[in-house]
Amino acid sequence: MRKESSQGKKERVRHSSDPKVKLQVHLVRQQPLPIDLGQDVQVRRKGGRRPLTETREEIIQRLLDPEVTLHEASAILNLSKATLRRYTDQGKLPCIRTAGGQRRFRLSDLLAFLEQKEAP
């Protein structure tokens, strides 16, 4: 923290070990935001769990039929990743694309593919 001297030069003020002085220095540095939030809006929640963003059916669907990565799918089907990519490009195996373009597979689709592959 700097302090103006009588000659107009800034001097370095030593930090005090007094907690009241430290608090005052800290409070002086804090400035309110120059925006109007309207009514008193509670920005932070106090503890507890986050609210649910999925419906009951979506939660059950996600737990019973999870999405599997390309690596996991290749381990389940005992195929190489390149073969799985080729199968999805040819339409032999359905996949879901993420926003980043990665392939995700439904476990039910993988199991159906296994049954179809094993059937004579």
Protein backbone atom coordinates (compact mmCIF):
# COMPACT_ATOMS: atom_id res chain seq x y z
CA MET A 1 0.00 0.00 0.00
CA ARG A 2 1.30 3.45 -0.84
CA LYS A 3 0.75 6.69 0.95
CA GLU A 4 1.06 10.22 -0.39
CA SER A 5 3.72 12.21 1.39
CA SER A 6 3.58 15.97 1.82
CA GLN A 7 5.89 16.40 -1.18
CA GLY A 8 3.54 14.45 -3.48
CA LYS A 9 5.74 11.36 -3.71
CA LYS A 10 4.35 7.95 -2.92
CA GLU A 11 5.88 6.09 -0.02
CA ARG A 12 5.45 2.45 0.84
CA VAL A 13 3.45 1.97 4.05
CA ARG A 14 4.47 -0.96 6.19
CA HIS A 15 1.82 -3.58 6.73
CA SER A 16 0.50 -3.58 10.22
CA SER A 17 0.01 -6.76 12.20
CA ASP A 18 -3.13 -5.26 13.71
CA PRO A 19 -6.15 -7.21 12.34
CA LYS A 20 -8.38 -4.11 12.38
CA VAL A 21 -5.96 -2.23 10.15
CA LYS A 22 -5.67 -5.22 7.81
CA LEU A 23 -9.46 -5.41 7.56
CA GLN A 24 -9.75 -1.70 6.80
CA VAL A 25 -7.10 -1.96 4.08
CA HIS A 26 -8.90 -4.94 2.58
CA LEU A 27 -12.31 -3.22 2.66
CA VAL A 28 -10.90 -0.07 1.02
CA ARG A 29 -9.70 -2.16 -1.94
CA GLN A 30 -13.14 -3.72 -2.53
CA GLN A 31 -15.36 -1.77 -4.87
CA PRO A 32 -19.01 -2.60 -5.66
CA LEU A 33 -19.78 -3.67 -9.22
CA PRO A 34 -21.17 -0.85 -11.39
CA ILE A 35 -24.18 -2.90 -12.52
CA ASP A 36 -27.72 -2.94 -11.27
CA LEU A 37 -29.03 -6.42 -10.55
CA GLY A 38 -32.54 -5.20 -9.93
CA GLN A 39 -34.07 -6.91 -6.95
CA ASP A 40 -31.91 -8.65 -4.41
CA VAL A 41 -30.91 -11.68 -6.43
CA GLN A 42 -29.36 -14.52 -4.51
CA VAL A 43 -26.44 -15.54 -6.69
CA ARG A 44 -24.94 -18.17 -4.42
CA ARG A 45 -26.84 -21.06 -2.98
CA LYS A 46 -26.08 -22.24 0.50
CA GLY A 47 -25.03 -25.89 0.67
CA GLY A 48 -27.25 -28.78 -0.20
CA ARG A 49 -27.51 -30.69 -3.43
CA ARG A 50 -27.81 -29.24 -6.88
CA PRO A 51 -31.30 -29.29 -8.38
CA LEU A 52 -32.04 -32.13 -10.80
CA THR A 53 -31.63 -31.28 -14.46
CA GLU A 54 -32.98 -34.59 -15.78
CA THR A 55 -36.40 -36.12 -15.57
CA ARG A 56 -36.97 -39.43 -13.82
CA GLU A 57 -37.23 -41.25 -17.16
CA GLU A 58 -33.99 -39.70 -18.43
CA ILE A 59 -32.13 -40.78 -15.29
CA ILE A 60 -33.43 -44.35 -15.59
CA GLN A 61 -32.55 -44.44 -19.30
CA ARG A 62 -29.04 -43.12 -18.63
CA LEU A 63 -28.40 -45.69 -15.90
CA LEU A 64 -29.89 -48.71 -17.69
CA ASP A 65 -28.50 -47.95 -21.15
CA PRO A 66 -25.31 -45.90 -20.68
CA GLU A 67 -23.26 -44.27 -23.42
CA VAL A 68 -19.96 -46.03 -24.05
CA THR A 69 -16.78 -44.53 -25.53
CA LEU A 70 -15.08 -45.88 -28.64
CA HIS A 71 -12.35 -47.42 -26.51
CA GLU A 72 -14.85 -49.17 -24.24
CA ALA A 73 -16.91 -50.36 -27.20
CA SER A 74 -13.84 -51.85 -28.86
CA ALA A 75 -13.10 -53.77 -25.64
CA ILE A 76 -16.71 -55.02 -25.36
CA LEU A 77 -16.92 -56.16 -28.98
CA ASN A 78 -13.31 -57.33 -29.18
CA LEU A 79 -12.77 -55.27 -32.33
CA SER A 80 -10.21 -52.62 -33.16
CA LYS A 81 -11.12 -48.94 -32.95
CA ALA A 82 -10.52 -48.59 -36.68
CA THR A 83 -13.02 -51.38 -37.40
CA LEU A 84 -15.62 -49.72 -35.18
CA ARG A 85 -15.08 -46.41 -36.99
CA ARG A 86 -15.51 -48.18 -40.33
CA TYR A 87 -18.68 -49.94 -39.15
CA THR A 88 -20.22 -46.65 -37.98
CA ASP A 89 -19.28 -44.93 -41.25
CA GLN A 90 -20.90 -47.80 -43.20
CA GLY A 91 -24.02 -47.71 -41.02
CA LYS A 92 -23.56 -51.21 -39.62
CA LEU A 93 -23.37 -49.91 -36.04
CA PRO A 94 -25.28 -46.84 -34.84
CA CYS A 95 -23.41 -44.22 -32.86
CA ILE A 96 -24.04 -40.84 -31.25
CA ARG A 97 -21.72 -37.94 -31.98
CA THR A 98 -20.74 -35.54 -29.21
CA ALA A 99 -20.40 -31.81 -29.78
CA GLY A 100 -16.68 -32.42 -30.32
CA GLY A 101 -17.35 -35.09 -32.96
CA GLN A 102 -16.43 -38.10 -30.82
CA ARG A 103 -18.37 -41.32 -31.20
CA ARG A 104 -20.48 -42.66 -28.33
CA PHE A 105 -22.33 -45.96 -28.43
CA ARG A 106 -25.39 -47.11 -26.51
CA LEU A 107 -24.77 -50.32 -24.59
CA SER A 108 -28.02 -51.77 -25.93
CA ASP A 109 -26.81 -51.17 -29.53
CA LEU A 110 -23.54 -52.96 -28.77
CA LEU A 111 -25.33 -55.94 -27.24
CA ALA A 112 -27.72 -56.15 -30.21
CA PHE A 113 -24.74 -56.03 -32.57
CA LEU A 114 -23.09 -58.88 -30.64
CA GLU A 115 -26.27 -61.01 -30.84
CA GLN A 116 -26.62 -60.31 -34.56
CA LYS A 117 -22.95 -61.16 -35.13
CA GLU A 118 -23.20 -64.46 -33.20
CA ALA A 119 -26.48 -65.57 -34.87
CA PRO A 120 -25.96 -67.95 -37.84
